[in-house]
Amino acid sequence: MPAFTRGKKREDLVYVLVNPTMYYGWKRKDIAALGGISEGDLTNIGHLKAEGATLAAGSIVVIGAKSPRPARVSRKISNATVGQQQSVSTFCAYDKLATALGAKWNVAESRKAVTLRPPSAARSSVTAIATLSDASKYCFPMNKADFDLFAAEVGLEAASTITTDTARNKLVSGSTRPRPGRASKLLEDGSSFSSFFSSSMAGDMLELGYAILEEEVVIAVSSGGGGN
């Protein structure tokens, strides 16, 4: 571990827009304290500290998602001396890349979208999609046979239903938040089936014999407010 990172804590929860609808959140160390990078530099590439942030009503906030992920940009730290950190790499809002490039940042990694696997006779696994109360669409792999049998009961969509940019901008995979609730059902042969489920189906599922194992976890965005 280099000396300039030893003992440094990632204290600030920061958001950037990963698309017009969704904010991507992560814990960021105090980059501006390194010297050569100012808070203004970070604001210019879309960094928004979660504490006290004002988010657009109807936005979706994701934490710890495998995808989507924002583009990552890097920049050399001016006047860095031997033993000091020479460069910094961080996420950039999707609508601030031109600004970043003009301010001597370089694109280190491109933005990553959610990969969908539509149903196919050649595939044993498909992408199942659960819709949560914050309007996010949580994508996860599911056995095709289980999807065919149980998707309607737990309110899951197939990848083939995602046909517009509006829907694509709500997709998330592998996130800590949002995360769907999970339910299970005892089958007639003595085995059991468990799955994530869409929030709107909770009441109907209880009537079908499902037990709710975990409730959904979302970050609510109030009108003109921050995530809670």
Protein backbone atom coordinates (compact mmCIF):
# COMPACT_ATOMS: atom_id res chain seq x y z
CA MET A 1 0.00 0.00 0.00
CA PRO A 2 1.55 3.37 -0.98
CA ALA A 3 2.19 5.86 1.81
CA PHE A 4 -0.22 8.41 0.38
CA THR A 5 -3.19 6.00 0.72
CA ARG A 6 -2.26 4.39 4.06
CA GLY A 7 -4.73 5.34 6.75
CA LYS A 8 -7.00 7.25 4.37
CA LYS A 9 -10.71 6.59 4.86
CA ARG A 10 -13.36 6.70 2.18
CA GLU A 11 -15.71 8.92 4.13
CA ASP A 12 -17.88 10.80 1.64
CA LEU A 13 -20.87 9.17 -0.04
CA VAL A 14 -20.93 10.78 -3.48
CA TYR A 15 -23.38 10.56 -6.38
CA VAL A 16 -22.95 11.05 -10.11
CA LEU A 17 -25.58 10.69 -12.79
CA VAL A 18 -24.98 7.48 -14.72
CA ASN A 19 -27.89 8.26 -17.07
CA PRO A 20 -30.72 10.85 -17.09
CA THR A 21 -32.70 8.90 -14.47
CA MET A 22 -30.19 7.23 -12.17
CA TYR A 23 -27.61 8.42 -9.65
CA TYR A 24 -24.69 6.09 -8.91
CA GLY A 25 -23.36 6.31 -5.36
CA TRP A 26 -20.06 5.23 -3.81
CA LYS A 27 -17.75 6.09 -0.90
CA ARG A 28 -15.02 8.49 -2.01
CA LYS A 29 -11.92 9.54 -0.13
CA ASP A 30 -11.20 13.26 0.16
CA ILE A 31 -9.56 13.69 -3.24
CA ALA A 32 -9.44 17.47 -2.92
CA ALA A 33 -7.16 17.10 0.12
CA LEU A 34 -4.43 15.64 -2.10
CA GLY A 35 -3.60 19.01 -3.62
CA GLY A 36 -3.76 19.77 -7.33
CA ILE A 37 -7.43 18.68 -7.47
CA SER A 38 -10.04 21.06 -6.06
CA GLU A 39 -13.64 20.54 -4.98
CA GLY A 40 -14.54 22.68 -7.98
CA ASP A 41 -12.78 20.20 -10.28
CA LEU A 42 -14.87 17.39 -8.83
CA THR A 43 -18.11 19.36 -9.02
CA ASN A 44 -17.36 20.05 -12.68
CA ILE A 45 -17.33 16.30 -13.44
CA GLY A 46 -20.65 15.82 -11.68
CA HIS A 47 -19.69 14.79 -8.15
CA LEU A 48 -22.51 15.52 -5.71
CA LYS A 49 -22.03 14.79 -2.00
CA ALA A 50 -24.99 12.80 -0.73
CA GLU A 51 -25.22 14.76 2.52
CA GLY A 52 -27.52 17.67 1.82
CA ALA A 53 -27.85 16.82 -1.87
CA THR A 54 -30.90 17.89 -3.85
CA LEU A 55 -31.94 15.23 -6.34
CA ALA A 56 -34.57 15.44 -9.05
CA ALA A 57 -37.91 13.98 -8.03
CA GLY A 58 -38.40 10.51 -9.48
CA SER A 59 -34.68 9.79 -9.66
CA ILE A 60 -33.31 6.37 -8.79
CA VAL A 61 -30.31 6.09 -6.47
CA VAL A 62 -28.11 2.99 -6.61
CA ILE A 63 -25.31 1.98 -4.26
CA GLY A 64 -22.69 -0.67 -4.96
CA ALA A 65 -24.07 -1.72 -8.34
CA LYS A 66 -22.11 -3.99 -10.67
CA SER A 67 -23.95 -2.24 -13.49
CA PRO A 68 -24.69 0.31 -14.64
CA ARG A 69 -21.42 2.01 -13.74
CA PRO A 70 -20.34 5.51 -14.76
CA ALA A 71 -17.34 6.22 -16.91
CA ARG A 72 -14.10 6.55 -14.96
CA VAL A 73 -11.72 9.42 -15.64
CA SER A 74 -8.14 10.05 -14.53
CA ARG A 75 -5.93 13.11 -14.25
CA LYS A 76 -2.36 13.84 -13.24
CA ILE A 77 -1.94 15.85 -10.06
CA SER A 78 -0.03 19.03 -10.79
CA ASN A 79 3.07 19.76 -8.74
CA ALA A 80 3.09 16.28 -7.13
CA THR A 81 6.51 15.43 -5.69
CA VAL A 82 8.25 12.08 -5.22
CA GLY A 83 6.35 9.99 -2.68
CA GLN A 84 3.10 11.83 -3.29
CA GLN A 85 0.16 10.52 -5.31
CA GLN A 86 0.86 11.33 -8.97
CA SER A 87 -2.63 10.94 -10.41
CA VAL A 88 -6.24 10.39 -9.41
CA SER A 89 -8.99 8.25 -10.94
CA THR A 90 -12.68 8.65 -10.20
CA PHE A 91 -16.17 8.38 -11.69
CA CYS A 92 -17.63 11.04 -13.99
CA ALA A 93 -21.28 11.89 -14.65
CA TYR A 94 -22.50 10.81 -18.09
CA ASP A 95 -23.31 14.41 -19.07
CA LYS A 96 -19.97 15.85 -17.87
CA LEU A 97 -17.51 13.88 -20.01
CA ALA A 98 -16.96 16.73 -22.47
CA THR A 99 -16.31 19.06 -19.55
CA ALA A 100 -13.89 16.54 -18.04
CA LEU A 101 -11.93 16.17 -21.27
CA GLY A 102 -11.68 19.92 -21.59
CA ALA A 103 -10.28 20.10 -18.05
CA LYS A 104 -7.43 17.66 -18.75
CA TRP A 105 -9.13 14.52 -17.46
CA ASN A 106 -8.73 11.35 -19.55
CA VAL A 107 -11.29 8.59 -19.97
CA ALA A 108 -9.89 5.52 -18.18
CA GLU A 109 -12.99 3.29 -18.46
CA SER A 110 -16.18 3.65 -20.47
CA ARG A 111 -19.63 3.65 -18.95
CA LYS A 112 -20.96 0.12 -18.34
CA ALA A 113 -24.58 -0.81 -19.04
CA VAL A 114 -26.63 -3.73 -17.72
CA THR A 115 -26.33 -6.83 -19.92
CA LEU A 116 -29.63 -8.54 -20.73
CA ARG A 117 -30.05 -12.20 -21.69
CA PRO A 118 -33.41 -12.65 -23.43
CA PRO A 119 -35.16 -16.03 -23.50
CA SER A 120 -33.75 -18.44 -26.08
CA ALA A 121 -34.13 -22.14 -26.79
CA ALA A 122 -30.35 -22.44 -26.60
CA ARG A 123 -30.08 -20.88 -23.12
CA SER A 124 -30.81 -22.47 -19.76
CA SER A 125 -30.54 -19.10 -17.98
CA VAL A 126 -32.30 -15.81 -18.71
CA THR A 127 -32.34 -12.31 -17.27
CA ALA A 128 -35.30 -11.87 -14.95
CA ILE A 129 -36.37 -8.34 -14.01
CA ALA A 130 -38.12 -7.29 -10.80
CA THR A 131 -39.65 -3.80 -10.55
CA LEU A 132 -39.24 -2.07 -7.20
CA SER A 133 -41.20 0.71 -5.50
CA ASP A 134 -38.64 3.34 -6.59
CA ALA A 135 -39.32 2.33 -10.24
CA SER A 136 -35.91 0.67 -10.60
CA LYS A 137 -35.77 -2.60 -12.49
CA TYR A 138 -33.47 -5.10 -10.79
CA CYS A 139 -31.96 -7.63 -13.20
CA PHE A 140 -30.69 -11.05 -12.14
CA PRO A 141 -30.02 -14.45 -13.76
CA MET A 142 -32.71 -17.10 -13.41
CA ASN A 143 -33.15 -20.64 -14.61
CA LYS A 144 -35.31 -20.50 -17.74
CA ALA A 145 -37.57 -23.33 -16.59
CA ASP A 146 -38.24 -21.54 -13.29
CA PHE A 147 -38.88 -18.29 -15.14
CA ASP A 148 -41.42 -19.97 -17.41
CA LEU A 149 -43.24 -21.51 -14.43
CA PHE A 150 -43.14 -18.75 -11.82
CA ALA A 151 -42.37 -15.37 -13.40
CA ALA A 152 -46.01 -14.30 -13.55
CA GLU A 153 -46.61 -15.22 -9.89
CA VAL A 154 -43.76 -13.07 -8.60
CA GLY A 155 -44.12 -10.30 -11.19
CA LEU A 156 -40.93 -10.76 -13.19
CA GLU A 157 -40.37 -9.39 -16.69
CA ALA A 158 -38.26 -10.89 -19.46
CA ALA A 159 -35.40 -9.00 -21.07
CA SER A 160 -37.39 -8.80 -24.30
CA THR A 161 -39.85 -6.37 -22.65
CA ILE A 162 -37.14 -3.69 -22.36
CA THR A 163 -37.53 -1.82 -25.64
CA THR A 164 -37.14 1.89 -24.79
CA ASP A 165 -34.38 4.12 -23.43
CA THR A 166 -36.71 5.11 -20.59
CA ALA A 167 -36.88 1.49 -19.44
CA ARG A 168 -33.16 0.87 -20.00
CA ASN A 169 -32.28 3.85 -17.80
CA LYS A 170 -34.02 2.14 -14.86
CA LEU A 171 -32.08 -1.15 -15.09
CA VAL A 172 -29.68 -2.11 -12.30
CA SER A 173 -27.82 -5.31 -11.45
CA GLY A 174 -25.92 -6.54 -8.42
CA SER A 175 -26.59 -3.48 -6.26
CA THR A 176 -26.68 -3.25 -2.48
CA ARG A 177 -29.46 -0.71 -2.90
CA PRO A 178 -31.94 -0.96 -4.48
CA ARG A 179 -32.50 -4.64 -3.84
CA PRO A 180 -35.77 -6.54 -4.27
CA GLY A 181 -37.58 -8.51 -1.64
CA ARG A 182 -37.22 -12.27 -1.71
CA ALA A 183 -39.97 -14.87 -1.25
CA SER A 184 -40.27 -18.65 -1.22
CA LYS A 185 -42.99 -21.20 -1.85
CA LEU A 186 -43.28 -24.88 -0.93
CA LEU A 187 -44.14 -26.94 -4.01
CA GLU A 188 -46.35 -30.02 -4.21
CA ASP A 189 -43.38 -32.36 -4.69
CA GLY A 190 -41.87 -31.21 -1.39
CA SER A 191 -39.22 -28.98 -2.94
CA SER A 192 -39.27 -25.21 -2.68
CA PHE A 193 -38.88 -22.28 -5.04
CA SER A 194 -37.43 -18.92 -3.99
CA SER A 195 -36.88 -15.75 -5.94
CA PHE A 196 -36.70 -11.99 -5.92
CA PHE A 197 -40.09 -10.44 -6.63
CA SER A 198 -41.62 -7.22 -7.88
CA SER A 199 -42.87 -5.01 -5.05
CA SER A 200 -46.40 -4.69 -6.41
CA MET A 201 -46.91 -8.48 -6.20
CA ALA A 202 -46.39 -8.93 -2.44
CA GLY A 203 -50.10 -9.13 -1.57
CA ASP A 204 -51.00 -11.50 -4.41
CA MET A 205 -48.07 -13.78 -3.61
CA LEU A 206 -49.23 -14.33 -0.03
CA GLU A 207 -52.52 -15.66 -1.41
CA LEU A 208 -50.54 -18.06 -3.62
CA GLY A 209 -48.72 -19.54 -0.63
CA TYR A 210 -45.46 -17.54 -0.76
CA ALA A 211 -43.64 -16.53 2.39
CA ILE A 212 -41.80 -13.21 2.34
CA LEU A 213 -38.20 -13.86 3.38
CA GLU A 214 -36.81 -10.34 2.87
CA GLU A 215 -38.41 -6.99 2.16
CA GLU A 216 -37.13 -4.71 -0.60
CA VAL A 217 -34.47 -2.10 0.19
CA VAL A 218 -34.62 1.17 -1.75
CA ILE A 219 -33.40 4.74 -1.37
CA ALA A 220 -36.42 6.98 -1.60
CA VAL A 221 -36.04 10.35 -3.31
CA SER A 222 -38.60 12.86 -2.13
CA SER A 223 -39.70 15.75 -4.34
CA GLY A 224 -36.76 18.13 -4.60
CA GLY A 225 -34.93 16.28 -1.84
CA GLY A 226 -32.15 13.83 -1.26
CA GLY A 227 -32.04 10.07 -0.90
CA ASN A 228 -33.16 8.54 2.38
